[in-house]
Protein backbone atom coordinates (compact mmCIF):
# COMPACT_ATOMS: atom_id res chain seq x y z
CA MET A 1 56.79 -66.64 52.16
CA MET A 2 55.94 -63.37 50.40
CA GLU A 3 54.83 -60.55 52.67
CA ASN A 4 51.49 -58.83 52.13
CA THR A 5 53.14 -55.47 51.61
CA ALA A 6 56.21 -54.07 49.87
CA LYS A 7 58.70 -51.39 50.88
CA ARG A 8 57.65 -47.94 49.62
CA LEU A 9 59.62 -45.23 47.85
CA ASN A 10 58.76 -41.55 48.35
CA VAL A 11 58.24 -39.88 44.96
CA LEU A 12 56.92 -36.34 45.54
CA GLY A 13 54.96 -37.54 48.56
CA VAL A 14 53.44 -40.55 46.79
CA ARG A 15 54.56 -43.84 48.31
CA ILE A 16 55.42 -46.14 45.40
CA SER A 17 55.72 -49.85 46.18
CA VAL A 18 59.22 -51.18 45.54
CA THR A 19 58.31 -54.29 43.59
CA ASN A 20 58.09 -55.89 40.16
CA MET A 21 55.49 -57.86 38.22
CA CYS A 22 56.22 -61.27 39.77
CA GLU A 23 56.24 -59.96 43.32
CA ALA A 24 53.07 -57.93 42.77
CA ILE A 25 51.20 -60.98 41.49
CA GLU A 26 52.39 -63.04 44.47
CA ILE A 27 51.13 -60.39 46.89
CA ILE A 28 47.75 -60.12 45.12
CA GLN A 29 47.37 -63.91 45.16
CA ARG A 30 48.11 -63.91 48.88
CA TRP A 31 45.38 -61.32 49.43
CA ILE A 32 42.89 -63.49 47.57
CA GLU A 33 43.88 -66.74 49.27
CA SER A 34 43.71 -65.18 52.74
CA SER A 35 40.42 -63.36 51.95
CA GLU A 36 41.99 -59.98 52.64
CA ARG A 37 40.39 -56.94 51.05
CA HIS A 38 42.63 -54.41 49.32
CA TYR A 39 42.82 -52.09 46.36
CA ALA A 40 45.97 -51.52 44.31
CA CYS A 41 46.80 -48.37 42.36
CA LEU A 42 49.04 -48.29 39.32
CA ALA A 43 51.03 -45.08 39.37
CA ALA A 44 52.61 -43.22 36.48
CA VAL A 45 53.86 -39.62 36.23
CA HIS A 46 50.31 -38.43 35.51
CA GLY A 47 48.98 -39.88 38.77
CA VAL A 48 51.88 -38.55 40.84
CA MET A 49 51.36 -35.06 39.41
CA GLU A 50 47.60 -35.19 40.01
CA CYS A 51 48.43 -35.91 43.65
CA GLN A 52 50.38 -32.63 43.83
CA LYS A 53 47.09 -30.79 43.28
CA ASP A 54 44.81 -33.05 45.33
CA GLU A 55 45.79 -34.09 48.85
CA SER A 56 42.83 -36.47 49.11
CA LEU A 57 44.04 -38.31 46.00
CA LYS A 58 47.53 -38.59 47.50
CA GLN A 59 45.96 -40.21 50.56
CA VAL A 60 44.13 -42.68 48.31
CA PHE A 61 47.40 -43.74 46.69
CA ASN A 62 49.25 -43.92 50.00
CA GLN A 63 46.53 -45.93 51.76
CA SER A 64 46.38 -48.58 49.02
CA GLY A 65 47.54 -52.13 49.59
CA LEU A 66 50.01 -51.52 46.76
CA THR A 67 50.83 -48.49 44.64
CA LEU A 68 52.63 -50.14 41.76
CA PRO A 69 55.19 -48.51 39.42
CA ASP A 70 53.20 -48.41 36.18
CA GLY A 71 55.48 -45.80 34.56
CA MET A 72 59.17 -46.20 33.73
CA PRO A 73 60.21 -42.91 35.41
CA LEU A 74 59.06 -44.37 38.73
CA VAL A 75 61.08 -47.52 38.10
CA TRP A 76 64.14 -45.39 37.30
CA ALA A 77 63.58 -43.44 40.52
CA GLY A 78 63.63 -46.70 42.46
CA ARG A 79 66.74 -47.99 40.75
CA GLN A 80 68.47 -44.66 41.37
CA LYS A 81 67.80 -45.26 45.05
CA GLY A 82 69.45 -48.68 44.83
CA PHE A 83 66.42 -50.93 44.28
CA SER A 84 67.90 -52.79 41.32
CA ALA A 85 65.17 -55.47 41.23
CA MET A 86 62.37 -52.91 40.92
CA GLY A 87 60.49 -53.36 37.66
CA ARG A 88 57.57 -51.88 35.78
CA VAL A 89 54.12 -53.22 36.67
CA TYR A 90 52.24 -52.07 33.60
CA GLY A 91 48.46 -52.22 34.02
CA PRO A 92 47.56 -53.99 30.74
CA ASP A 93 50.32 -56.57 31.32
CA LEU A 94 49.19 -57.10 34.92
CA MET A 95 45.69 -57.86 33.65
CA LEU A 96 47.02 -60.50 31.25
CA GLU A 97 49.38 -62.06 33.80
CA LEU A 98 46.68 -62.32 36.47
CA SER A 99 44.15 -63.60 33.96
CA GLU A 100 46.50 -66.45 33.07
CA VAL A 101 47.17 -67.25 36.72
CA SER A 102 43.46 -67.13 37.53
CA VAL A 103 42.58 -69.97 35.16
CA GLY A 104 44.54 -72.47 37.21
CA LYS A 105 43.57 -70.94 40.53
CA GLY A 106 39.87 -70.58 39.71
CA TYR A 107 39.73 -66.87 40.54
CA SER A 108 36.75 -64.96 39.15
CA HIS A 109 36.80 -61.46 37.62
CA PHE A 110 34.49 -58.48 37.28
CA LEU A 111 35.18 -55.84 34.61
CA CYS A 112 34.11 -52.27 35.41
CA GLY A 113 35.03 -49.51 32.98
CA GLY A 114 35.34 -48.33 29.41
CA LYS A 115 32.84 -46.77 27.09
CA GLU A 116 29.58 -48.51 26.24
CA GLY A 117 30.25 -52.06 25.10
CA ILE A 118 33.99 -52.09 25.87
CA ALA A 119 33.77 -54.18 29.06
CA GLU A 120 31.70 -56.82 27.26
CA ARG A 121 34.17 -56.88 24.38
CA LEU A 122 36.99 -57.27 26.86
CA LYS A 123 35.17 -60.21 28.46
CA LEU A 124 34.99 -61.96 25.10
CA GLU A 125 38.63 -61.18 24.33
CA LEU A 126 39.87 -62.57 27.66
CA GLU A 127 37.70 -65.69 27.31
CA LYS A 128 39.18 -66.26 23.86
CA ARG A 129 42.75 -65.69 25.02
CA PHE A 130 42.48 -67.63 28.30
CA PRO A 131 40.09 -70.59 27.88
CA GLY A 132 38.47 -71.43 31.20
CA ILE A 133 38.75 -67.94 32.67
CA ARG A 134 35.81 -66.98 34.90
CA ILE A 135 34.40 -63.53 34.07
CA ALA A 136 31.55 -63.13 36.54
CA GLY A 137 30.21 -59.86 35.14
CA THR A 138 30.77 -56.53 33.45
CA TYR A 139 29.63 -52.98 34.12
CA THR A 140 29.91 -49.73 32.18
CA PRO A 141 29.81 -46.89 34.73
CA PRO A 142 28.54 -43.43 33.79
CA PHE A 143 31.04 -40.58 33.35
CA ARG A 144 30.07 -39.14 36.72
CA GLN A 145 29.62 -40.30 40.28
CA LEU A 146 27.05 -43.07 40.69
CA ASP A 147 23.65 -41.94 41.91
CA LYS A 148 22.01 -43.76 44.82
CA HIS A 149 20.05 -46.18 42.62
CA GLU A 150 23.08 -47.06 40.46
CA GLU A 151 25.21 -47.52 43.54
CA GLU A 152 22.71 -49.85 45.21
CA GLU A 153 22.34 -51.82 41.99
CA LEU A 154 26.10 -52.31 41.61
CA ILE A 155 26.57 -53.26 45.27
CA SER A 156 23.73 -55.79 45.03
CA ARG A 157 25.07 -57.29 41.81
CA VAL A 158 28.60 -57.70 43.12
CA ALA A 159 27.25 -59.16 46.36
CA THR A 160 25.61 -61.89 44.30
CA LEU A 161 28.59 -62.57 42.01
CA LYS A 162 31.36 -62.33 44.65
CA PRO A 163 34.26 -61.83 42.20
CA ASP A 164 37.78 -62.33 43.49
CA ILE A 165 39.25 -59.58 41.31
CA PHE A 166 37.39 -56.38 40.43
CA TRP A 167 39.07 -54.54 37.54
CA VAL A 168 38.50 -50.79 37.24
CA GLY A 169 39.27 -48.99 33.98
CA ILE A 170 37.95 -45.44 34.23
CA SER A 171 41.25 -43.46 34.16
CA THR A 172 43.17 -41.56 36.81
CA PRO A 173 42.14 -40.01 39.21
CA LYS A 174 38.55 -41.28 38.97
CA GLN A 175 39.42 -44.96 39.27
CA GLU A 176 41.59 -44.52 42.36
CA LYS A 177 38.91 -42.56 44.18
CA PHE A 178 36.30 -45.10 43.07
CA MET A 179 38.31 -47.98 44.53
CA ALA A 180 38.96 -46.19 47.82
CA GLU A 181 35.25 -45.43 48.16
CA TYR A 182 33.93 -48.88 47.27
CA ILE A 183 36.55 -51.38 48.50
CA SER A 184 34.69 -51.76 51.79
CA ARG A 185 31.25 -51.79 50.15
CA LEU A 186 31.65 -54.26 47.30
CA ASN A 187 31.84 -58.00 47.96
CA THR A 188 35.17 -58.55 46.25
CA ARG A 189 38.67 -59.29 47.51
CA VAL A 190 40.90 -57.17 45.30
CA MET A 191 40.25 -54.02 43.26
CA LEU A 192 42.82 -53.07 40.61
CA GLY A 193 42.79 -49.77 38.69
CA VAL A 194 44.26 -50.38 35.24
CA GLY A 195 43.15 -47.31 33.24
CA ALA A 196 43.41 -47.79 29.48
CA ALA A 197 43.89 -51.58 29.67
CA PHE A 198 40.25 -52.05 28.68
CA ASP A 199 40.77 -50.03 25.49
CA PHE A 200 44.14 -51.60 24.65
CA HIS A 201 43.00 -55.22 24.98
CA THR A 202 39.88 -54.67 22.90
CA GLY A 203 41.74 -52.79 20.18
CA ALA A 204 39.80 -49.59 20.80
CA VAL A 205 43.15 -47.82 21.28
CA LYS A 206 46.43 -48.95 19.73
CA GLU A 207 49.32 -49.73 22.07
CA ALA A 208 52.82 -48.32 21.71
CA PRO A 209 55.58 -50.61 20.36
CA ALA A 210 57.50 -52.58 22.98
CA TRP A 211 60.69 -50.53 22.49
CA MET A 212 58.82 -47.31 23.32
CA LYS A 213 57.48 -48.89 26.51
CA ARG A 214 60.96 -50.03 27.57
CA THR A 215 62.56 -46.65 26.95
CA GLY A 216 59.89 -44.56 28.65
CA LEU A 217 58.56 -43.06 25.40
CA GLN A 218 55.08 -44.53 25.55
CA TRP A 219 53.76 -41.07 26.45
CA LEU A 220 54.91 -39.77 23.05
CA PHE A 221 52.98 -42.49 21.24
CA ARG A 222 49.85 -41.68 23.25
CA LEU A 223 50.29 -37.96 22.64
CA CYS A 224 50.43 -38.53 18.88
CA GLN A 225 47.22 -40.57 19.11
CA GLU A 226 45.21 -38.05 21.15
CA PRO A 227 47.00 -34.67 21.07
CA LYS A 228 43.98 -32.54 21.97
CA ARG A 229 43.16 -34.58 25.06
CA LEU A 230 46.65 -35.42 26.26
CA TRP A 231 48.92 -32.49 25.36
CA ARG A 232 48.61 -30.80 28.73
CA ARG A 233 49.12 -34.05 30.64
CA TYR A 234 52.41 -34.84 28.92
CA LEU A 235 53.93 -31.55 27.75
CA PHE A 236 53.26 -29.82 31.06
CA ASN A 237 53.35 -32.62 33.64
CA ASN A 238 56.41 -34.51 32.41
CA PRO A 239 58.92 -31.62 32.62
CA LEU A 240 57.38 -30.45 35.90
CA PHE A 241 57.75 -33.95 37.35
CA VAL A 242 61.46 -34.03 36.43
CA TYR A 243 61.99 -30.58 37.97
CA LYS A 244 60.20 -31.45 41.20
CA TYR A 245 61.87 -34.82 41.57
CA ILE A 246 65.35 -33.35 41.06
CA LYS A 247 64.49 -30.82 43.80
CA GLN A 248 63.49 -33.70 46.06
CA LEU A 249 66.79 -35.47 45.41
CA LEU A 250 68.79 -32.32 46.12
CA LYS A 251 66.96 -31.89 49.42
CA GLY A 252 67.96 -35.46 50.28
CA ASN A 253 64.43 -36.73 51.04
CA GLU A 254 64.65 -40.35 52.11
CA CYS A 255 62.59 -43.20 50.68
């Protein structure tokens, strides 16, 4: 029987779960079936580097039920350490895989994220793609912390709907901190932070070709799409990540 947790790999102090898509879905299903309450983070280089500047964010990642390898560099780090079965758990793909599984299992979903109208469009897209899927509700959060009234309203709504899976798509690091804050306050079993999945599945943002995803070049595709917003994230963080991780390897830090 699949365990509730996975072995973790130390990547610059962030504990990345040594897993792959199939194993991650099995663990999440086990959480739902046993009525456990967890949140799962999906980590890429951007998230790991944000954790270097924010110790509280690092704690959020490390206290998650799973911190999944969303970026290929993290998968390569695991394989370099000998974890040959480790595979990418890409947020948009995880959403599709779990949506398909949920139809047969009867799991319900709540979609929280995106710009105005995106969550509702995503609901329609998933219902079209997976007939019989149960989307209990949607919510477009403001681009700031919820005020007391908004918070009470969301808590009350989720308490009524009781979704099994609560999807959060408000980008890193906001979504991780949101999940850590609300996992004990919202009546849901699993919270999953999937970033741009809302935009990708609704067509609001175009996805990179499959070969770019496989080869770790998805960042270049994204950079070409939104250079003003993303140049610092990729052109500064990516080389710095490589430098820091090589230093970690030379120091012989264990996983």
